[in-house]
PDB file of N, CA and C in Angstrom:
ATOM      1  N   MET A   1       8.185 -17.924  36.627  1.00  0.00           N
ATOM      2  CA  MET A   1       7.563 -16.517  36.075  1.00  0.00           C
ATOM      3  C   MET A   1       6.350 -16.612  34.975  1.00  0.00           C
ATOM      4  N   CYS A   2       5.620 -16.323  35.209  1.00  0.00           N
ATOM      5  CA  CYS A   2       4.671 -15.956  33.872  1.00  0.00           C
ATOM      6  C   CYS A   2       4.452 -14.790  33.269  1.00  0.00           C
ATOM      7  N   LEU A   3       4.546 -13.932  31.835  1.00  0.00           N
ATOM      8  CA  LEU A   3       4.416 -13.597  31.896  1.00  0.00           C
ATOM      9  C   LEU A   3       2.861 -12.714  31.026  1.00  0.00           C
ATOM     10  N   ALA A   4       1.924 -12.144  30.814  1.00  0.00           N
ATOM     11  CA  ALA A   4       0.450 -12.259  30.871  1.00  0.00           C
ATOM     12  C   ALA A   4       0.700 -10.863  30.052  1.00  0.00           C
ATOM     13  N   VAL A   5      -0.136 -10.771  28.371  1.00  0.00           N
ATOM     14  CA  VAL A   5      -0.136  -9.593  27.516  1.00  0.00           C
ATOM     15  C   VAL A   5      -1.930  -9.369  27.289  1.00  0.00           C
ATOM     16  N   PRO A   6      -1.743  -7.495  28.109  1.00  0.00           N
ATOM     17  CA  PRO A   6      -2.940  -6.999  27.893  1.00  0.00           C
ATOM     18  C   PRO A   6      -3.806  -7.504  26.468  1.00  0.00           C
ATOM     19  N   ALA A   7      -4.975  -8.089  25.722  1.00  0.00           N
ATOM     20  CA  ALA A   7      -5.698  -8.008  24.767  1.00  0.00           C
ATOM     21  C   ALA A   7      -6.757  -7.386  24.541  1.00  0.00           C
ATOM     22  N   LYS A   8      -7.921  -6.939  23.283  1.00  0.00           N
ATOM     23  CA  LYS A   8      -8.739  -6.844  23.532  1.00  0.00           C
ATOM     24  C   LYS A   8      -9.486  -7.405  22.893  1.00  0.00           C
ATOM     25  N   ILE A   9     -10.768  -8.066  23.223  1.00  0.00           N
ATOM     26  CA  ILE A   9     -11.867  -8.737  22.935  1.00  0.00           C
ATOM     27  C   ILE A   9     -12.660  -7.895  21.721  1.00  0.00           C
ATOM     28  N   VAL A  10     -12.389  -8.984  20.133  1.00  0.00           N
ATOM     29  CA  VAL A  10     -13.164  -8.262  19.392  1.00  0.00           C
ATOM     30  C   VAL A  10     -14.264  -8.956  19.196  1.00  0.00           C
ATOM     31  N   GLU A  11     -14.029 -10.176  18.528  1.00  0.00           N
ATOM     32  CA  GLU A  11     -15.017 -11.578  18.662  1.00  0.00           C
ATOM     33  C   GLU A  11     -15.377 -12.651  19.904  1.00  0.00           C
ATOM     34  N   ILE A  12     -16.498 -12.854  19.735  1.00  0.00           N
ATOM     35  CA  ILE A  12     -16.108 -14.051  20.951  1.00  0.00           C
ATOM     36  C   ILE A  12     -17.746 -14.896  20.625  1.00  0.00           C
ATOM     37  N   ASP A  13     -17.127 -16.266  20.632  1.00  0.00           N
ATOM     38  CA  ASP A  13     -17.827 -17.436  20.240  1.00  0.00           C
ATOM     39  C   ASP A  13     -18.335 -17.767  21.972  1.00  0.00           C
ATOM     40  N   GLU A  14     -19.349 -17.681  22.352  1.00  0.00           N
ATOM     41  CA  GLU A  14     -19.667 -18.339  24.446  1.00  0.00           C
ATOM     42  C   GLU A  14     -20.177 -19.718  24.001  1.00  0.00           C
ATOM     43  N   ALA A  15     -20.117 -20.027  22.200  1.00  0.00           N
ATOM     44  CA  ALA A  15     -20.536 -21.707  22.906  1.00  0.00           C
ATOM     45  C   ALA A  15     -19.311 -23.082  23.391  1.00  0.00           C
ATOM     46  N   THR A  16     -18.525 -22.158  22.187  1.00  0.00           N
ATOM     47  CA  THR A  16     -16.665 -22.952  22.234  1.00  0.00           C
ATOM     48  C   THR A  16     -15.985 -22.214  23.488  1.00  0.00           C
ATOM     49  N   PHE A  17     -16.726 -21.125  24.240  1.00  0.00           N
ATOM     50  CA  PHE A  17     -15.748 -20.588  25.107  1.00  0.00           C
ATOM     51  C   PHE A  17     -13.978 -19.823  24.388  1.00  0.00           C
ATOM     52  N   SER A  18     -14.700 -18.974  23.127  1.00  0.00           N
ATOM     53  CA  SER A  18     -13.780 -18.866  22.644  1.00  0.00           C
ATOM     54  C   SER A  18     -13.703 -17.723  22.251  1.00  0.00           C
ATOM     55  N   ALA A  19     -12.539 -16.780  22.193  1.00  0.00           N
ATOM     56  CA  ALA A  19     -12.385 -15.574  21.570  1.00  0.00           C
ATOM     57  C   ALA A  19     -11.591 -14.828  20.648  1.00  0.00           C
ATOM     58  N   SER A  20     -11.661 -13.735  19.555  1.00  0.00           N
ATOM     59  CA  SER A  20     -10.679 -13.447  18.968  1.00  0.00           C
ATOM     60  C   SER A  20     -10.155 -12.779  19.622  1.00  0.00           C
ATOM     61  N   ILE A  21      -8.983 -12.143  19.704  1.00  0.00           N
ATOM     62  CA  ILE A  21      -8.034 -10.935  20.318  1.00  0.00           C
ATOM     63  C   ILE A  21      -7.414 -10.273  19.374  1.00  0.00           C
ATOM     64  N   ASP A  22      -7.009  -9.083  19.881  1.00  0.00           N
ATOM     65  CA  ASP A  22      -6.614  -8.027  19.355  1.00  0.00           C
ATOM     66  C   ASP A  22      -5.277  -7.553  20.222  1.00  0.00           C
ATOM     67  N   VAL A  23      -3.744  -8.371  19.922  1.00  0.00           N
ATOM     68  CA  VAL A  23      -3.058  -8.276  21.019  1.00  0.00           C
ATOM     69  C   VAL A  23      -2.199  -6.268  20.267  1.00  0.00           C
ATOM     70  N   MET A  24      -1.782  -5.936  20.210  1.00  0.00           N
ATOM     71  CA  MET A  24      -1.063  -5.379  19.843  1.00  0.00           C
ATOM     72  C   MET A  24      -1.381  -5.144  18.254  1.00  0.00           C
ATOM     73  N   GLY A  25      -2.034  -4.847  17.654  1.00  0.00           N
ATOM     74  CA  GLY A  25      -2.464  -5.292  16.248  1.00  0.00           C
ATOM     75  C   GLY A  25      -3.268  -6.242  15.316  1.00  0.00           C
ATOM     76  N   ASN A  26      -2.695  -7.481  16.467  1.00  0.00           N
ATOM     77  CA  ASN A  26      -2.375  -8.969  15.699  1.00  0.00           C
ATOM     78  C   ASN A  26      -3.361  -9.761  16.600  1.00  0.00           C
ATOM     79  N   ILE A  27      -4.841 -10.513  14.875  1.00  0.00           N
ATOM     80  CA  ILE A  27      -6.024 -10.658  15.883  1.00  0.00           C
ATOM     81  C   ILE A  27      -5.283 -12.911  16.284  1.00  0.00           C
ATOM     82  N   ARG A  28      -5.640 -12.932  17.433  1.00  0.00           N
ATOM     83  CA  ARG A  28      -5.311 -14.540  17.600  1.00  0.00           C
ATOM     84  C   ARG A  28      -6.589 -14.698  18.245  1.00  0.00           C
ATOM     85  N   LYS A  29      -6.984 -16.001  18.317  1.00  0.00           N
ATOM     86  CA  LYS A  29      -8.139 -16.876  18.778  1.00  0.00           C
ATOM     87  C   LYS A  29      -7.341 -17.137  20.272  1.00  0.00           C
ATOM     88  N   ILE A  30      -8.303 -17.843  21.396  1.00  0.00           N
ATOM     89  CA  ILE A  30      -7.418 -17.712  22.547  1.00  0.00           C
ATOM     90  C   ILE A  30      -9.052 -18.515  23.093  1.00  0.00           C
ATOM     91  N   SER A  31      -8.995 -19.267  25.008  1.00  0.00           N
ATOM     92  CA  SER A  31      -9.900 -19.542  25.341  1.00  0.00           C
ATOM     93  C   SER A  31     -10.493 -18.492  26.456  1.00  0.00           C
ATOM     94  N   VAL A  32     -10.920 -18.361  26.389  1.00  0.00           N
ATOM     95  CA  VAL A  32     -12.103 -17.536  27.504  1.00  0.00           C
ATOM     96  C   VAL A  32     -12.492 -18.105  28.737  1.00  0.00           C
ATOM     97  N   MET A  33     -12.452 -19.506  28.633  1.00  0.00           N
ATOM     98  CA  MET A  33     -13.285 -20.484  29.559  1.00  0.00           C
ATOM     99  C   MET A  33     -12.795 -20.405  30.832  1.00  0.00           C
ATOM    100  N   LEU A  34     -12.025 -19.841  31.186  1.00  0.00           N
ATOM    101  CA  LEU A  34     -11.526 -19.120  32.777  1.00  0.00           C
ATOM    102  C   LEU A  34     -11.792 -18.359  33.723  1.00  0.00           C
ATOM    103  N   THR A  35     -12.596 -17.033  32.305  1.00  0.00           N
ATOM    104  CA  THR A  35     -12.986 -15.856  32.573  1.00  0.00           C
ATOM    105  C   THR A  35     -14.366 -15.867  31.763  1.00  0.00           C
ATOM    106  N   PRO A  36     -15.298 -16.302  32.727  1.00  0.00           N
ATOM    107  CA  PRO A  36     -16.903 -16.366  31.521  1.00  0.00           C
ATOM    108  C   PRO A  36     -17.854 -15.287  31.612  1.00  0.00           C
ATOM    109  N   GLU A  37     -17.269 -13.936  32.637  1.00  0.00           N
ATOM    110  CA  GLU A  37     -17.115 -12.953  33.409  1.00  0.00           C
ATOM    111  C   GLU A  37     -17.023 -11.723  31.258  1.00  0.00           C
ATOM    112  N   ALA A  38     -15.910 -12.455  30.468  1.00  0.00           N
ATOM    113  CA  ALA A  38     -15.098 -11.615  29.757  1.00  0.00           C
ATOM    114  C   ALA A  38     -16.133 -11.690  28.272  1.00  0.00           C
ATOM    115  N   LYS A  39     -16.800 -10.584  28.079  1.00  0.00           N
ATOM    116  CA  LYS A  39     -17.442  -9.816  26.798  1.00  0.00           C
ATOM    117  C   LYS A  39     -16.686  -8.969  25.908  1.00  0.00           C
ATOM    118  N   LEU A  40     -17.478  -8.751  24.235  1.00  0.00           N
ATOM    119  CA  LEU A  40     -17.114  -8.288  23.822  1.00  0.00           C
ATOM    120  C   LEU A  40     -16.939  -6.749  23.702  1.00  0.00           C
ATOM    121  N   GLY A  41     -15.599  -6.443  23.832  1.00  0.00           N
ATOM    122  CA  GLY A  41     -15.368  -5.570  23.736  1.00  0.00           C
ATOM    123  C   GLY A  41     -13.991  -5.171  25.659  1.00  0.00           C
ATOM    124  N   SER A  42     -14.017  -6.718  26.175  1.00  0.00           N
ATOM    125  CA  SER A  42     -13.161  -6.542  27.678  1.00  0.00           C
ATOM    126  C   SER A  42     -11.385  -6.262  26.597  1.00  0.00           C
ATOM    127  N   TRP A  43     -11.455  -6.509  27.809  1.00  0.00           N
ATOM    128  CA  TRP A  43      -9.802  -6.276  27.877  1.00  0.00           C
ATOM    129  C   TRP A  43      -9.383  -7.299  29.270  1.00  0.00           C
ATOM    130  N   VAL A  44      -8.515  -8.540  28.379  1.00  0.00           N
ATOM    131  CA  VAL A  44      -7.772  -9.290  28.995  1.00  0.00           C
ATOM    132  C   VAL A  44      -7.036  -9.550  29.063  1.00  0.00           C
ATOM    133  N   LEU A  45      -5.411  -9.865  30.481  1.00  0.00           N
ATOM    134  CA  LEU A  45      -5.086 -10.705  30.258  1.00  0.00           C
ATOM    135  C   LEU A  45      -4.292 -11.613  29.689  1.00  0.00           C
ATOM    136  N   VAL A  46      -3.667 -12.404  28.419  1.00  0.00           N
ATOM    137  CA  VAL A  46      -3.786 -13.209  28.043  1.00  0.00           C
ATOM    138  C   VAL A  46      -2.063 -14.309  28.078  1.00  0.00           C
ATOM    139  N   HIS A  47      -2.213 -15.385  29.104  1.00  0.00           N
ATOM    140  CA  HIS A  47      -0.976 -16.205  29.015  1.00  0.00           C
ATOM    141  C   HIS A  47      -1.374 -17.723  28.426  1.00  0.00           C
ATOM    142  N   ALA A  48      -0.689 -18.196  27.223  1.00  0.00           N
ATOM    143  CA  ALA A  48      -0.366 -19.531  26.973  1.00  0.00           C
ATOM    144  C   ALA A  48      -1.928 -19.891  26.156  1.00  0.00           C
ATOM    145  N   GLY A  49      -2.419 -18.996  25.251  1.00  0.00           N
ATOM    146  CA  GLY A  49      -3.755 -19.578  24.627  1.00  0.00           C
ATOM    147  C   GLY A  49      -4.896 -19.159  26.007  1.00  0.00           C
ATOM    148  N   GLN A  50      -4.758 -18.237  26.384  1.00  0.00           N
ATOM    149  CA  GLN A  50      -5.464 -18.131  27.715  1.00  0.00           C
ATOM    150  C   GLN A  50      -6.067 -16.858  28.324  1.00  0.00           C
ATOM    151  N   ALA A  51      -6.877 -16.876  28.491  1.00  0.00           N
ATOM    152  CA  ALA A  51      -7.466 -15.533  28.997  1.00  0.00           C
ATOM    153  C   ALA A  51      -7.423 -15.975  30.466  1.00  0.00           C
ATOM    154  N   ILE A  52      -6.787 -15.235  31.822  1.00  0.00           N
ATOM    155  CA  ILE A  52      -6.595 -15.729  32.476  1.00  0.00           C
ATOM    156  C   ILE A  52      -7.359 -14.721  33.397  1.00  0.00           C
ATOM    157  N   ASN A  53      -7.663 -13.293  33.434  1.00  0.00           N
ATOM    158  CA  ASN A  53      -8.288 -11.845  34.435  1.00  0.00           C
ATOM    159  C   ASN A  53      -9.331 -10.954  33.473  1.00  0.00           C
ATOM    160  N   VAL A  54      -9.710 -10.186  33.884  1.00  0.00           N
ATOM    161  CA  VAL A  54     -10.492  -9.579  32.831  1.00  0.00           C
ATOM    162  C   VAL A  54      -9.683  -8.011  34.037  1.00  0.00           C
ATOM    163  N   VAL A  55      -9.263  -6.629  32.921  1.00  0.00           N
ATOM    164  CA  VAL A  55      -8.441  -6.236  33.646  1.00  0.00           C
ATOM    165  C   VAL A  55      -9.344  -5.016  32.940  1.00  0.00           C
ATOM    166  N   SER A  56      -9.310  -3.417  33.525  1.00  0.00           N
ATOM    167  CA  SER A  56      -9.986  -2.170  33.088  1.00  0.00           C
ATOM    168  C   SER A  56      -8.992  -1.989  32.624  1.00  0.00           C
ATOM    169  N   ASP A  57     -10.042  -0.572  31.616  1.00  0.00           N
ATOM    170  CA  ASP A  57      -9.095   0.013  29.965  1.00  0.00           C
ATOM    171  C   ASP A  57      -7.510   0.858  31.433  1.00  0.00           C
ATOM    172  N   GLU A  58      -7.664   1.146  32.019  1.00  0.00           N
ATOM    173  CA  GLU A  58      -6.123   1.563  32.275  1.00  0.00           C
ATOM    174  C   GLU A  58      -5.323   0.930  32.925  1.00  0.00           C
ATOM    175  N   GLU A  59      -5.961  -0.622  33.612  1.00  0.00           N
ATOM    176  CA  GLU A  59      -4.891  -0.777  33.369  1.00  0.00           C
ATOM    177  C   GLU A  59      -3.926  -2.036  32.256  1.00  0.00           C
ATOM    178  N   ALA A  60      -5.084  -2.284  31.535  1.00  0.00           N
ATOM    179  CA  ALA A  60      -4.597  -2.835  30.013  1.00  0.00           C
ATOM    180  C   ALA A  60      -3.270  -1.273  29.931  1.00  0.00           C
ATOM    181  N   ARG A  61      -3.810  -0.478  29.714  1.00  0.00           N
ATOM    182  CA  ARG A  61      -2.928   0.921  28.455  1.00  0.00           C
ATOM    183  C   ARG A  61      -1.662   0.834  29.382  1.00  0.00           C
ATOM    184  N   ALA A  62      -1.516   0.466  30.765  1.00  0.00           N
ATOM    185  CA  ALA A  62      -0.684   0.747  31.927  1.00  0.00           C
ATOM    186  C   ALA A  62       0.138  -0.461  31.382  1.00  0.00           C
ATOM    187  N   SER A  63      -0.134  -1.819  31.095  1.00  0.00           N
ATOM    188  CA  SER A  63       0.483  -2.551  30.927  1.00  0.00           C
ATOM    189  C   SER A  63       1.409  -2.931  29.732  1.00  0.00           C
ATOM    190  N   LEU A  64       0.908  -2.093  28.709  1.00  0.00           N
ATOM    191  CA  LEU A  64       0.681  -2.117  26.906  1.00  0.00           C
ATOM    192  C   LEU A  64       2.522  -1.317  27.659  1.00  0.00           C
ATOM    193  N   GLU A  65       1.978  -0.150  27.910  1.00  0.00           N
ATOM    194  CA  GLU A  65       2.972   0.742  27.866  1.00  0.00           C
ATOM    195  C   GLU A  65       4.119  -0.100  28.151  1.00  0.00           C
ATOM    196  N   ILE A  66       4.597  -0.084  29.275  1.00  0.00           N
ATOM    197  CA  ILE A  66       5.202  -0.810  29.954  1.00  0.00           C
ATOM    198  C   ILE A  66       5.974  -2.031  28.582  1.00  0.00           C
ATOM    199  N   TRP A  67       4.993  -3.127  27.907  1.00  0.00           N
ATOM    200  CA  TRP A  67       5.193  -4.011  27.012  1.00  0.00           C
ATOM    201  C   TRP A  67       6.063  -2.896  25.594  1.00  0.00           C
ATOM    202  N   GLU A  68       5.378  -2.062  25.132  1.00  0.00           N
ATOM    203  CA  GLU A  68       6.051  -1.242  23.872  1.00  0.00           C
ATOM    204  C   GLU A  68       6.972  -0.438  24.661  1.00  0.00           C
ATOM    205  N   GLU A  69       7.124  -0.318  26.222  1.00  0.00           N
ATOM    206  CA  GLU A  69       8.738   0.265  25.933  1.00  0.00           C
ATOM    207  C   GLU A  69       9.545  -0.856  26.139  1.00  0.00           C
ATOM    208  N   LEU A  70       9.114  -2.285  26.698  1.00  0.00           N
ATOM    209  CA  LEU A  70      10.077  -3.294  27.214  1.00  0.00           C
ATOM    210  C   LEU A  70      10.509  -3.374  25.185  1.00  0.00           C
ATOM    211  N   LEU A  71       9.674  -3.637  24.034  1.00  0.00           N
ATOM    212  CA  LEU A  71       9.836  -3.789  22.723  1.00  0.00           C
ATOM    213  C   LEU A  71      10.994  -3.120  21.903  1.00  0.00           C
ATOM    214  N   ARG A  72      10.919  -1.826  22.395  1.00  0.00           N
ATOM    215  CA  ARG A  72      11.818  -0.734  22.193  1.00  0.00           C
ATOM    216  C   ARG A  72      13.320  -1.269  22.620  1.00  0.00           C
ATOM    217  N   ASP A  73      13.093  -1.634  23.713  1.00  0.00           N
ATOM    218  CA  ASP A  73      14.189  -1.404  24.323  1.00  0.00           C
ATOM    219  C   ASP A  73      15.013  -2.419  23.789  1.00  0.00           C
ATOM    220  N   GLU A  74      14.202  -3.750  23.911  1.00  0.00           N
ATOM    221  CA  GLU A  74      15.287  -5.101  23.045  1.00  0.00           C
ATOM    222  C   GLU A  74      15.605  -4.738  21.730  1.00  0.00           C
ATOM    223  N   GLN A  75      14.787  -3.675  20.969  1.00  0.00           N
ATOM    224  CA  GLN A  75      15.393  -4.074  19.343  1.00  0.00           C
ATOM    225  C   GLN A  75      16.757  -3.175  19.770  1.00  0.00           C
ATOM    226  N   GLN A  76      17.148  -2.531  20.500  1.00  0.00           N
ATOM    227  CA  GLN A  76      18.191  -1.737  20.399  1.00  0.00           C
ATOM    228  C   GLN A  76      19.370  -2.044  20.270  1.00  0.00           C
ATOM    229  N   PHE A  77      19.284  -3.789  20.641  1.00  0.00           N
ATOM    230  CA  PHE A  77      20.537  -4.552  21.428  1.00  0.00           C
ATOM    231  C   PHE A  77      20.558  -5.412  20.008  1.00  0.00           C
TER     232      PHE A  77
END
């Protein structure tokens, strides 16, 4: 099973098909080669350093809520 994390594109370099993303407050570099429709400000699902899908604000927020809940539950153990 693959898990993808929602992230917002905060910088994009179209020449290298790369982007900087904000993942829960952490800035990372990823490839956007698989999502040519991704633009600055887009929400994407990220897996293994690749943006694999562009999602709506609503989808991203719903996914983030689930991730935050999972992380909270994990801290209880």
